[in-house]
Amino acid sequence: MVTTSALIAVASVLTAFRITQSIGYSVCVGLMALEQSVQPI
């Protein structure tokens, strides 16, 4: 059987990955918008 601590560890890793992914996405969008505002194409 899977222990509770293993489930908590997996859940925390998945949550951290989602948070990192969303932060990275926001940073990429912000940088793209900044580049377009500074140097319009």
Protein backbone atom coordinates (compact mmCIF):
# COMPACT_ATOMS: atom_id res chain seq x y z
CA MET A 1 0.00 0.00 0.00
CA VAL A 2 1.07 3.56 -0.63
CA THR A 3 1.83 5.53 2.50
CA THR A 4 0.29 8.90 3.25
CA SER A 5 3.69 10.59 3.28
CA ALA A 6 4.37 9.35 -0.26
CA LEU A 7 1.03 10.75 -1.44
CA ILE A 8 1.76 14.09 0.23
CA ALA A 9 5.21 14.19 -1.37
CA VAL A 10 3.79 13.50 -4.84
CA ALA A 11 1.04 16.09 -4.35
CA SER A 12 3.52 18.74 -3.21
CA VAL A 13 5.82 18.04 -6.17
CA LEU A 14 2.91 18.32 -8.62
CA THR A 15 1.72 21.54 -6.98
CA ALA A 16 5.22 23.04 -7.09
CA PHE A 17 5.52 22.06 -10.76
CA ARG A 18 2.19 23.72 -11.60
CA ILE A 19 3.13 26.90 -9.73
CA THR A 20 6.53 27.02 -11.46
CA GLN A 21 4.89 26.41 -14.83
CA SER A 22 2.33 29.19 -14.36
CA ILE A 23 5.01 31.62 -13.13
CA GLY A 24 7.22 30.78 -16.11
CA TYR A 25 4.29 31.31 -18.48
CA SER A 26 3.52 34.70 -16.94
CA VAL A 27 7.18 35.75 -17.20
CA CYS A 28 7.33 34.70 -20.87
CA VAL A 29 4.14 36.62 -21.69
CA GLY A 30 5.41 39.67 -19.81
CA LEU A 31 8.76 39.61 -21.62
CA MET A 32 7.06 39.28 -25.00
CA ALA A 33 4.76 42.21 -24.23
CA LEU A 34 7.73 44.25 -23.01
CA GLU A 35 9.71 43.55 -26.19
CA GLN A 36 6.77 44.55 -28.37
CA SER A 37 6.18 47.76 -26.40
CA VAL A 38 9.87 48.74 -26.50
CA GLN A 39 10.49 47.68 -30.10
CA PRO A 40 7.20 47.41 -32.01
CA ILE A 41 7.23 45.06 -34.98
